[in-house]
Amino acid sequence: MNIGFDNRVAPWRVTAILAPKGAAIKRLRQEAGKEGRLLDVTQGRPTRSLVVTDANQVILSAVAPETLMPRLIEARDRDRARKEE
């Protein structure tokens, strides 16, 4: 699944797509940075979403959650269809 600037994440690894608002999300971002679990793929643009993976990685993206969610759903549907073939 494309999360911006040709960066991709496996859709089955995504556990959450979050807007970067609120104290709890900011704390999550800070803790991930301190622990070496933060990946910034914004290329200097403002962070519009955080993608959390099952490996507890936090990925900063310049793409809005409203854009990423349909991509995630589509990618998971494609993956399911392939498995059914």
C-alpha atoms as a PDB file:
ATOM      1  CA  MET A   1       0.000   0.000   0.000  1.00  0.00           C
ATOM      2  CA  ASN A   2       1.396   3.373  -1.016  1.00  0.00           C
ATOM      3  CA  ILE A   3       1.736   5.713   1.981  1.00  0.00           C
ATOM      4  CA  GLY A   4       3.231   8.587   0.004  1.00  0.00           C
ATOM      5  CA  PHE A   5       6.234   9.424  -2.163  1.00  0.00           C
ATOM      6  CA  ASP A   6       6.399   5.854  -3.470  1.00  0.00           C
ATOM      7  CA  ASN A   7       6.890   4.451   0.038  1.00  0.00           C
ATOM      8  CA  ARG A   8       4.926   1.291   0.687  1.00  0.00           C
ATOM      9  CA  VAL A   9       3.851  -0.820   3.620  1.00  0.00           C
ATOM     10  CA  ALA A  10       2.379  -4.310   3.549  1.00  0.00           C
ATOM     11  CA  PRO A  11      -1.368  -3.848   4.122  1.00  0.00           C
ATOM     12  CA  TRP A  12      -1.657  -6.915   6.347  1.00  0.00           C
ATOM     13  CA  ARG A  13       0.907  -5.345   8.726  1.00  0.00           C
ATOM     14  CA  VAL A  14      -1.087  -2.135   9.327  1.00  0.00           C
ATOM     15  CA  THR A  15      -2.958  -2.080  12.632  1.00  0.00           C
ATOM     16  CA  ALA A  16      -3.958   1.604  12.736  1.00  0.00           C
ATOM     17  CA  ILE A  17      -3.985   4.797  10.704  1.00  0.00           C
ATOM     18  CA  LEU A  18      -4.180   7.828  12.973  1.00  0.00           C
ATOM     19  CA  ALA A  19      -4.496  11.594  12.583  1.00  0.00           C
ATOM     20  CA  PRO A  20      -1.570  13.351  14.317  1.00  0.00           C
ATOM     21  CA  LYS A  21      -3.835  15.238  16.715  1.00  0.00           C
ATOM     22  CA  GLY A  22      -4.217  14.912  20.435  1.00  0.00           C
ATOM     23  CA  ALA A  23      -1.827  14.435  23.306  1.00  0.00           C
ATOM     24  CA  ALA A  24      -1.954  10.625  23.242  1.00  0.00           C
ATOM     25  CA  ILE A  25      -0.924  10.479  19.575  1.00  0.00           C
ATOM     26  CA  LYS A  26       1.870  12.998  20.132  1.00  0.00           C
ATOM     27  CA  ARG A  27       3.091  10.883  23.076  1.00  0.00           C
ATOM     28  CA  LEU A  28       3.011   7.758  20.882  1.00  0.00           C
ATOM     29  CA  ARG A  29       5.117   9.573  18.277  1.00  0.00           C
ATOM     30  CA  GLN A  30       7.639  10.791  20.862  1.00  0.00           C
ATOM     31  CA  GLU A  31       7.999   7.375  22.505  1.00  0.00           C
ATOM     32  CA  ALA A  32       8.474   5.671  19.132  1.00  0.00           C
ATOM     33  CA  GLY A  33      11.198   8.187  18.286  1.00  0.00           C
ATOM     34  CA  LYS A  34      13.030   7.608  21.567  1.00  0.00           C
ATOM     35  CA  GLU A  35      12.829   3.827  21.121  1.00  0.00           C
ATOM     36  CA  GLY A  36      13.965   3.814  17.467  1.00  0.00           C
ATOM     37  CA  ARG A  37      10.581   2.655  16.131  1.00  0.00           C
ATOM     38  CA  LEU A  38       9.750   5.854  14.208  1.00  0.00           C
ATOM     39  CA  LEU A  39      10.019   6.082  10.416  1.00  0.00           C
ATOM     40  CA  ASP A  40       9.509   9.473   8.758  1.00  0.00           C
ATOM     41  CA  VAL A  41       8.527   9.212   5.087  1.00  0.00           C
ATOM     42  CA  THR A  42       7.089  12.752   4.800  1.00  0.00           C
ATOM     43  CA  GLN A  43      10.082  14.130   2.863  1.00  0.00           C
ATOM     44  CA  GLY A  44       9.913  17.345   4.881  1.00  0.00           C
ATOM     45  CA  ARG A  45       6.200  17.924   4.417  1.00  0.00           C
ATOM     46  CA  PRO A  46       3.755  18.233   7.310  1.00  0.00           C
ATOM     47  CA  THR A  47       2.746  14.962   8.961  1.00  0.00           C
ATOM     48  CA  ARG A  48      -0.891  14.224   8.146  1.00  0.00           C
ATOM     49  CA  SER A  49      -1.099  10.653   9.461  1.00  0.00           C
ATOM     50  CA  LEU A  50       0.651   8.029  11.563  1.00  0.00           C
ATOM     51  CA  VAL A  51       0.602   4.427  10.388  1.00  0.00           C
ATOM     52  CA  VAL A  52       1.102   1.873  13.153  1.00  0.00           C
ATOM     53  CA  THR A  53       2.194  -1.665  12.235  1.00  0.00           C
ATOM     54  CA  ASP A  54       1.892  -5.006  13.983  1.00  0.00           C
ATOM     55  CA  ALA A  55       5.641  -4.816  14.670  1.00  0.00           C
ATOM     56  CA  ASN A  56       4.930  -1.656  16.713  1.00  0.00           C
ATOM     57  CA  GLN A  57       6.608   0.615  14.145  1.00  0.00           C
ATOM     58  CA  VAL A  58       5.179   4.115  13.781  1.00  0.00           C
ATOM     59  CA  ILE A  59       5.405   5.584  10.285  1.00  0.00           C
ATOM     60  CA  LEU A  60       4.849   9.299   9.668  1.00  0.00           C
ATOM     61  CA  SER A  61       3.139  10.033   6.356  1.00  0.00           C
ATOM     62  CA  ALA A  62       2.292  13.258   4.509  1.00  0.00           C
ATOM     63  CA  VAL A  63      -0.891  11.604   3.186  1.00  0.00           C
ATOM     64  CA  ALA A  64      -4.156  12.170   5.063  1.00  0.00           C
ATOM     65  CA  PRO A  65      -5.873   9.281   6.890  1.00  0.00           C
ATOM     66  CA  GLU A  66      -8.958   9.822   4.688  1.00  0.00           C
ATOM     67  CA  THR A  67      -6.796   8.979   1.676  1.00  0.00           C
ATOM     68  CA  LEU A  68      -4.918   6.081   3.256  1.00  0.00           C
ATOM     69  CA  MET A  69      -7.965   4.197   4.548  1.00  0.00           C
ATOM     70  CA  PRO A  70      -9.480   3.498   1.094  1.00  0.00           C
ATOM     71  CA  ARG A  71      -6.025   2.415  -0.118  1.00  0.00           C
ATOM     72  CA  LEU A  72      -5.748   0.017   2.817  1.00  0.00           C
ATOM     73  CA  ILE A  73      -9.203  -1.436   2.225  1.00  0.00           C
ATOM     74  CA  GLU A  74      -8.523  -1.867  -1.495  1.00  0.00           C
ATOM     75  CA  ALA A  75      -5.140  -3.502  -0.880  1.00  0.00           C
ATOM     76  CA  ARG A  76      -6.614  -5.936   1.659  1.00  0.00           C
ATOM     77  CA  ASP A  77      -9.475  -6.792  -0.698  1.00  0.00           C
ATOM     78  CA  ARG A  78      -6.988  -7.500  -3.515  1.00  0.00           C
ATOM     79  CA  ASP A  79      -4.956  -9.687  -1.178  1.00  0.00           C
ATOM     80  CA  ARG A  80      -8.066 -11.665  -0.154  1.00  0.00           C
ATOM     81  CA  ALA A  81      -9.085 -12.135  -3.791  1.00  0.00           C
ATOM     82  CA  ARG A  82      -5.648 -13.510  -4.648  1.00  0.00           C
ATOM     83  CA  LYS A  83      -5.840 -15.993  -1.801  1.00  0.00           C
ATOM     84  CA  GLU A  84      -9.246 -17.203  -2.976  1.00  0.00           C
ATOM     85  CA  GLU A  85      -8.012 -17.912  -6.520  1.00  0.00           C
END
